[in-house]
Structures are given as structure tokens and as C-alpha cells.
Amino acid sequence: MATDGRGRVIVRDGSWGFFFLLAYLGAAIYFISVSDGSFWGVILGLLQAIVWPVYVTYQTLLLLLGG
């Protein structure tokens, strides 16, 4: 029996993707609701929803490391 050297890869990351989608949607709703409602305010809210975990991680590390 000959094989061609390829293996099967099964990726099971669907549940984390759904969690991150919910987190993004929640953050987007929050940041858009506190914006002034203008076009650029909504765009800024969507961008803030993408990067808010960076700020949370940074502030958490500051608290933990005593900086």
C-alpha cells in the first residue's frame, strides 16, 4: 500500500472564534454607543473594538508587576 506522505490535519478552534466574535460585537456596540454618532465616530468605535484587549492586557500587567 503506497502513501503520498500527506497527513490529515483537524483544526477545532471554532468555539474560540465564536467567543472572540461575541467579544468584538459587544465592544463595538459599547464604543459606538458612547461615540457622538458621526461617521468618523462610528469608524473610531469599530477600531477601538478591535484593539481594546491590548489596553486591558497592558493595564493588567501594570497592576501585576507594580509598574
PDB file of N, CA and C in Angstrom:
ATOM      1  N   MET A   1       0.845  -1.162   0.000  1.00  0.00           N
ATOM      2  CA  MET A   1       0.000   0.000   0.000  1.00  0.00           C
ATOM      3  C   MET A   1       0.900   1.239   0.000  1.00  0.00           C
ATOM      4  N   ALA A   2       0.759   2.094  -0.989  1.00  0.00           N
ATOM      5  CA  ALA A   2       1.590   3.291  -1.119  1.00  0.00           C
ATOM      6  C   ALA A   2       0.880   4.491  -0.508  1.00  0.00           C
ATOM      7  N   THR A   3       1.669   5.331   0.149  1.00  0.00           N
ATOM      8  CA  THR A   3       1.124   6.575   0.690  1.00  0.00           C
ATOM      9  C   THR A   3       1.859   7.741   0.055  1.00  0.00           C
ATOM     10  N   ASP A   4       1.189   8.858  -0.020  1.00  0.00           N
ATOM     11  CA  ASP A   4       1.813  10.019  -0.648  1.00  0.00           C
ATOM     12  C   ASP A   4       2.457  10.967   0.365  1.00  0.00           C
ATOM     13  N   GLY A   5       2.502  10.620   1.630  1.00  0.00           N
ATOM     14  CA  GLY A   5       3.198  11.414   2.639  1.00  0.00           C
ATOM     15  C   GLY A   5       2.378  12.542   3.224  1.00  0.00           C
ATOM     16  N   ARG A   6       1.137  12.673   2.824  1.00  0.00           N
ATOM     17  CA  ARG A   6       0.293  13.736   3.369  1.00  0.00           C
ATOM     18  C   ARG A   6      -0.500  13.205   4.557  1.00  0.00           C
ATOM     19  N   GLY A   7      -0.626  14.026   5.561  1.00  0.00           N
ATOM     20  CA  GLY A   7      -1.417  13.655   6.730  1.00  0.00           C
ATOM     21  C   GLY A   7      -2.668  14.501   6.800  1.00  0.00           C
ATOM     22  N   ARG A   8      -3.543  14.124   7.660  1.00  0.00           N
ATOM     23  CA  ARG A   8      -4.784  14.862   7.838  1.00  0.00           C
ATOM     24  C   ARG A   8      -4.641  15.769   9.064  1.00  0.00           C
ATOM     25  N   VAL A   9      -5.028  17.023   8.908  1.00  0.00           N
ATOM     26  CA  VAL A   9      -4.973  17.994   9.994  1.00  0.00           C
ATOM     27  C   VAL A   9      -6.397  18.412  10.315  1.00  0.00           C
ATOM     28  N   ILE A  10      -6.760  18.278  11.569  1.00  0.00           N
ATOM     29  CA  ILE A  10      -8.092  18.672  12.012  1.00  0.00           C
ATOM     30  C   ILE A  10      -7.937  19.841  12.981  1.00  0.00           C
ATOM     31  N   VAL A  11      -8.551  20.963  12.638  1.00  0.00           N
ATOM     32  CA  VAL A  11      -8.480  22.157  13.460  1.00  0.00           C
ATOM     33  C   VAL A  11      -9.827  22.336  14.150  1.00  0.00           C
ATOM     34  N   ARG A  12      -9.800  22.450  15.468  1.00  0.00           N
ATOM     35  CA  ARG A  12     -11.041  22.595  16.235  1.00  0.00           C
ATOM     36  C   ARG A  12     -11.006  23.881  17.046  1.00  0.00           C
ATOM     37  N   ASP A  13     -10.927  25.003  16.351  1.00  0.00           N
ATOM     38  CA  ASP A  13     -10.872  26.295  17.021  1.00  0.00           C
ATOM     39  C   ASP A  13     -12.174  27.068  16.878  1.00  0.00           C
ATOM     40  N   GLY A  14     -13.239  26.426  16.521  1.00  0.00           N
ATOM     41  CA  GLY A  14     -14.494  27.117  16.276  1.00  0.00           C
ATOM     42  C   GLY A  14     -15.057  27.793  17.499  1.00  0.00           C
ATOM     43  N   SER A  15     -14.951  27.182  18.664  1.00  0.00           N
ATOM     44  CA  SER A  15     -15.536  27.787  19.856  1.00  0.00           C
ATOM     45  C   SER A  15     -14.808  29.070  20.253  1.00  0.00           C
ATOM     46  N   TRP A  16     -13.490  29.123  20.101  1.00  0.00           N
ATOM     47  CA  TRP A  16     -12.754  30.351  20.421  1.00  0.00           C
ATOM     48  C   TRP A  16     -13.077  31.453  19.428  1.00  0.00           C
ATOM     49  N   GLY A  17     -13.235  31.108  18.187  1.00  0.00           N
ATOM     50  CA  GLY A  17     -13.602  32.107  17.184  1.00  0.00           C
ATOM     51  C   GLY A  17     -14.943  32.734  17.489  1.00  0.00           C
ATOM     52  N   PHE A  18     -15.894  31.915  17.930  1.00  0.00           N
ATOM     53  CA  PHE A  18     -17.203  32.429  18.297  1.00  0.00           C
ATOM     54  C   PHE A  18     -17.106  33.337  19.515  1.00  0.00           C
ATOM     55  N   PHE A  19     -16.285  32.965  20.495  1.00  0.00           N
ATOM     56  CA  PHE A  19     -16.090  33.797  21.682  1.00  0.00           C
ATOM     57  C   PHE A  19     -15.505  35.155  21.300  1.00  0.00           C
ATOM     58  N   PHE A  20     -14.494  35.158  20.427  1.00  0.00           N
ATOM     59  CA  PHE A  20     -13.884  36.417  20.016  1.00  0.00           C
ATOM     60  C   PHE A  20     -14.852  37.266  19.192  1.00  0.00           C
ATOM     61  N   LEU A  21     -15.707  36.621  18.407  1.00  0.00           N
ATOM     62  CA  LEU A  21     -16.717  37.367  17.663  1.00  0.00           C
ATOM     63  C   LEU A  21     -17.693  38.046  18.613  1.00  0.00           C
ATOM     64  N   LEU A  22     -18.145  37.327  19.628  1.00  0.00           N
ATOM     65  CA  LEU A  22     -19.049  37.929  20.612  1.00  0.00           C
ATOM     66  C   LEU A  22     -18.377  39.069  21.364  1.00  0.00           C
ATOM     67  N   ALA A  23     -17.107  38.893  21.726  1.00  0.00           N
ATOM     68  CA  ALA A  23     -16.377  39.952  22.426  1.00  0.00           C
ATOM     69  C   ALA A  23     -16.243  41.188  21.542  1.00  0.00           C
ATOM     70  N   TYR A  24     -15.948  40.988  20.249  1.00  0.00           N
ATOM     71  CA  TYR A  24     -15.828  42.120  19.330  1.00  0.00           C
ATOM     72  C   TYR A  24     -17.165  42.838  19.168  1.00  0.00           C
ATOM     73  N   LEU A  25     -18.229  42.074  19.003  1.00  0.00           N
ATOM     74  CA  LEU A  25     -19.542  42.693  18.824  1.00  0.00           C
ATOM     75  C   LEU A  25     -19.953  43.490  20.064  1.00  0.00           C
ATOM     76  N   GLY A  26     -19.704  42.925  21.239  1.00  0.00           N
ATOM     77  CA  GLY A  26     -20.027  43.644  22.461  1.00  0.00           C
ATOM     78  C   GLY A  26     -19.227  44.923  22.601  1.00  0.00           C
ATOM     79  N   ALA A  27     -17.939  44.855  22.300  1.00  0.00           N
ATOM     80  CA  ALA A  27     -17.095  46.048  22.375  1.00  0.00           C
ATOM     81  C   ALA A  27     -17.507  47.072  21.323  1.00  0.00           C
ATOM     82  N   ALA A  28     -17.844  46.608  20.128  1.00  0.00           N
ATOM     83  CA  ALA A  28     -18.258  47.533  19.068  1.00  0.00           C
ATOM     84  C   ALA A  28     -19.547  48.248  19.456  1.00  0.00           C
ATOM     85  N   ILE A  29     -20.502  47.516  20.021  1.00  0.00           N
ATOM     86  CA  ILE A  29     -21.750  48.146  20.453  1.00  0.00           C
ATOM     87  C   ILE A  29     -21.466  49.181  21.537  1.00  0.00           C
ATOM     88  N   TYR A  30     -20.600  48.838  22.480  1.00  0.00           N
ATOM     89  CA  TYR A  30     -20.281  49.784  23.553  1.00  0.00           C
ATOM     90  C   TYR A  30     -19.613  51.041  22.998  1.00  0.00           C
ATOM     91  N   PHE A  31     -18.552  50.880  22.200  1.00  0.00           N
ATOM     92  CA  PHE A  31     -17.797  52.041  21.730  1.00  0.00           C
ATOM     93  C   PHE A  31     -18.618  52.895  20.772  1.00  0.00           C
ATOM     94  N   ILE A  32     -19.487  52.290  19.986  1.00  0.00           N
ATOM     95  CA  ILE A  32     -20.341  53.076  19.097  1.00  0.00           C
ATOM     96  C   ILE A  32     -21.398  53.825  19.904  1.00  0.00           C
ATOM     97  N   SER A  33     -21.904  53.191  20.972  1.00  0.00           N
ATOM     98  CA  SER A  33     -22.934  53.854  21.773  1.00  0.00           C
ATOM     99  C   SER A  33     -22.393  55.065  22.535  1.00  0.00           C
ATOM    100  N   VAL A  34     -21.106  55.063  22.878  1.00  0.00           N
ATOM    101  CA  VAL A  34     -20.537  56.215  23.581  1.00  0.00           C
ATOM    102  C   VAL A  34     -19.926  57.236  22.630  1.00  0.00           C
ATOM    103  N   SER A  35     -19.966  56.972  21.323  1.00  0.00           N
ATOM    104  CA  SER A  35     -19.455  57.949  20.362  1.00  0.00           C
ATOM    105  C   SER A  35     -20.520  59.017  20.110  1.00  0.00           C
ATOM    106  N   ASP A  36     -20.163  60.037  19.354  1.00  0.00           N
ATOM    107  CA  ASP A  36     -21.109  61.120  19.076  1.00  0.00           C
ATOM    108  C   ASP A  36     -22.069  60.789  17.938  1.00  0.00           C
ATOM    109  N   GLY A  37     -21.915  59.646  17.288  1.00  0.00           N
ATOM    110  CA  GLY A  37     -22.832  59.217  16.243  1.00  0.00           C
ATOM    111  C   GLY A  37     -22.452  59.654  14.845  1.00  0.00           C
ATOM    112  N   SER A  38     -21.365  60.421  14.720  1.00  0.00           N
ATOM    113  CA  SER A  38     -20.930  60.824  13.392  1.00  0.00           C
ATOM    114  C   SER A  38     -20.270  59.644  12.685  1.00  0.00           C
ATOM    115  N   PHE A  39     -20.042  59.787  11.399  1.00  0.00           N
ATOM    116  CA  PHE A  39     -19.423  58.711  10.620  1.00  0.00           C
ATOM    117  C   PHE A  39     -18.071  58.337  11.190  1.00  0.00           C
ATOM    118  N   TRP A  40     -17.229  59.337  11.431  1.00  0.00           N
ATOM    119  CA  TRP A  40     -15.886  59.050  11.937  1.00  0.00           C
ATOM    120  C   TRP A  40     -15.916  58.566  13.378  1.00  0.00           C
ATOM    121  N   GLY A  41     -16.925  58.965  14.134  1.00  0.00           N
ATOM    122  CA  GLY A  41     -17.082  58.447  15.490  1.00  0.00           C
ATOM    123  C   GLY A  41     -17.393  56.957  15.482  1.00  0.00           C
ATOM    124  N   VAL A  42     -18.225  56.533  14.523  1.00  0.00           N
ATOM    125  CA  VAL A  42     -18.547  55.109  14.396  1.00  0.00           C
ATOM    126  C   VAL A  42     -17.322  54.322  13.929  1.00  0.00           C
ATOM    127  N   ILE A  43     -16.587  54.874  12.963  1.00  0.00           N
ATOM    128  CA  ILE A  43     -15.366  54.202  12.478  1.00  0.00           C
ATOM    129  C   ILE A  43     -14.362  54.073  13.614  1.00  0.00           C
ATOM    130  N   LEU A  44     -14.190  55.131  14.395  1.00  0.00           N
ATOM    131  CA  LEU A  44     -13.276  55.077  15.537  1.00  0.00           C
ATOM    132  C   LEU A  44     -13.743  54.052  16.563  1.00  0.00           C
ATOM    133  N   GLY A  45     -15.045  53.954  16.782  1.00  0.00           N
ATOM    134  CA  GLY A  45     -15.584  52.951  17.697  1.00  0.00           C
ATOM    135  C   GLY A  45     -15.291  51.537  17.233  1.00  0.00           C
ATOM    136  N   LEU A  46     -15.407  51.293  15.934  1.00  0.00           N
ATOM    137  CA  LEU A  46     -15.094  49.961  15.397  1.00  0.00           C
ATOM    138  C   LEU A  46     -13.607  49.641  15.543  1.00  0.00           C
ATOM    139  N   LEU A  47     -12.758  50.634  15.334  1.00  0.00           N
ATOM    140  CA  LEU A  47     -11.316  50.415  15.502  1.00  0.00           C
ATOM    141  C   LEU A  47     -10.961  50.190  16.966  1.00  0.00           C
ATOM    142  N   GLN A  48     -11.601  50.915  17.862  1.00  0.00           N
ATOM    143  CA  GLN A  48     -11.360  50.713  19.291  1.00  0.00           C
ATOM    144  C   GLN A  48     -11.798  49.322  19.721  1.00  0.00           C
ATOM    145  N   ALA A  49     -12.870  48.811  19.115  1.00  0.00           N
ATOM    146  CA  ALA A  49     -13.349  47.469  19.454  1.00  0.00           C
ATOM    147  C   ALA A  49     -12.332  46.403  19.054  1.00  0.00           C
ATOM    148  N   ILE A  50     -11.519  46.688  18.050  1.00  0.00           N
ATOM    149  CA  ILE A  50     -10.501  45.730  17.624  1.00  0.00           C
ATOM    150  C   ILE A  50      -9.343  45.701  18.616  1.00  0.00           C
ATOM    151  N   VAL A  51      -8.921  46.866  19.118  1.00  0.00           N
ATOM    152  CA  VAL A  51      -7.680  46.932  19.892  1.00  0.00           C
ATOM    153  C   VAL A  51      -7.872  47.010  21.399  1.00  0.00           C
ATOM    154  N   TRP A  52      -9.110  46.982  21.923  1.00  0.00           N
ATOM    155  CA  TRP A  52      -9.284  47.122  23.367  1.00  0.00           C
ATOM    156  C   TRP A  52      -8.608  46.022  24.170  1.00  0.00           C
ATOM    157  N   PRO A  53      -8.465  44.774  23.688  1.00  0.00           N
ATOM    158  CA  PRO A  53      -7.765  43.774  24.507  1.00  0.00           C
ATOM    159  C   PRO A  53      -6.306  44.136  24.786  1.00  0.00           C
ATOM    160  N   VAL A  54      -5.694  44.906  23.890  1.00  0.00           N
ATOM    161  CA  VAL A  54      -4.311  45.338  24.099  1.00  0.00           C
ATOM    162  C   VAL A  54      -4.227  46.238  25.326  1.00  0.00           C
ATOM    163  N   TYR A  55      -5.146  47.166  25.453  1.00  0.00           N
ATOM    164  CA  TYR A  55      -5.149  48.065  26.601  1.00  0.00           C
ATOM    165  C   TYR A  55      -5.444  47.321  27.894  1.00  0.00           C
ATOM    166  N   VAL A  56      -6.366  46.374  27.854  1.00  0.00           N
ATOM    167  CA  VAL A  56      -6.689  45.596  29.048  1.00  0.00           C
ATOM    168  C   VAL A  56      -5.480  44.782  29.495  1.00  0.00           C
ATOM    169  N   THR A  57      -4.804  44.155  28.554  1.00  0.00           N
ATOM    170  CA  THR A  57      -3.614  43.371  28.880  1.00  0.00           C
ATOM    171  C   THR A  57      -2.518  44.258  29.459  1.00  0.00           C
ATOM    172  N   TYR A  58      -2.315  45.417  28.863  1.00  0.00           N
ATOM    173  CA  TYR A  58      -1.285  46.346  29.343  1.00  0.00           C
ATOM    174  C   TYR A  58      -1.584  46.806  30.775  1.00  0.00           C
ATOM    175  N   GLN A  59      -2.824  47.202  31.033  1.00  0.00           N
ATOM    176  CA  GLN A  59      -3.178  47.660  32.380  1.00  0.00           C
ATOM    177  C   GLN A  59      -3.091  46.523  33.408  1.00  0.00           C
ATOM    178  N   THR A  60      -3.464  45.322  33.004  1.00  0.00           N
ATOM    179  CA  THR A  60      -3.359  44.165  33.902  1.00  0.00           C
ATOM    180  C   THR A  60      -1.907  43.884  34.260  1.00  0.00           C
ATOM    181  N   LEU A  61      -1.026  43.926  33.263  1.00  0.00           N
ATOM    182  CA  LEU A  61       0.391  43.698  33.528  1.00  0.00           C
ATOM    183  C   LEU A  61       0.975  44.793  34.425  1.00  0.00           C
ATOM    184  N   LEU A  62       0.529  46.030  34.225  1.00  0.00           N
ATOM    185  CA  LEU A  62       0.991  47.103  35.102  1.00  0.00           C
ATOM    186  C   LEU A  62       0.583  46.845  36.541  1.00  0.00           C
ATOM    187  N   LEU A  63      -0.639  46.388  36.749  1.00  0.00           N
ATOM    188  CA  LEU A  63      -1.088  46.100  38.112  1.00  0.00           C
ATOM    189  C   LEU A  63      -0.331  44.925  38.717  1.00  0.00           C
ATOM    190  N   LEU A  64      -0.111  43.884  37.921  1.00  0.00           N
ATOM    191  CA  LEU A  64       0.563  42.700  38.428  1.00  0.00           C
ATOM    192  C   LEU A  64       2.038  42.923  38.718  1.00  0.00           C
ATOM    193  N   LEU A  65       2.691  43.701  37.857  1.00  0.00           N
ATOM    194  CA  LEU A  65       4.133  43.909  38.008  1.00  0.00           C
ATOM    195  C   LEU A  65       4.462  45.150  38.829  1.00  0.00           C
ATOM    196  N   GLY A  66       3.451  45.888  39.222  1.00  0.00           N
ATOM    197  CA  GLY A  66       3.685  47.044  40.093  1.00  0.00           C
ATOM    198  C   GLY A  66       4.349  48.214  39.395  1.00  0.00           C
ATOM    199  N   GLY A  67       4.089  48.369  38.101  1.00  0.00           N
ATOM    200  CA  GLY A  67       4.715  49.455  37.335  1.00  0.00           C
ATOM    201  C   GLY A  67       3.965  50.663  37.444  1.00  0.00           C
TER     202      GLY A  67
END
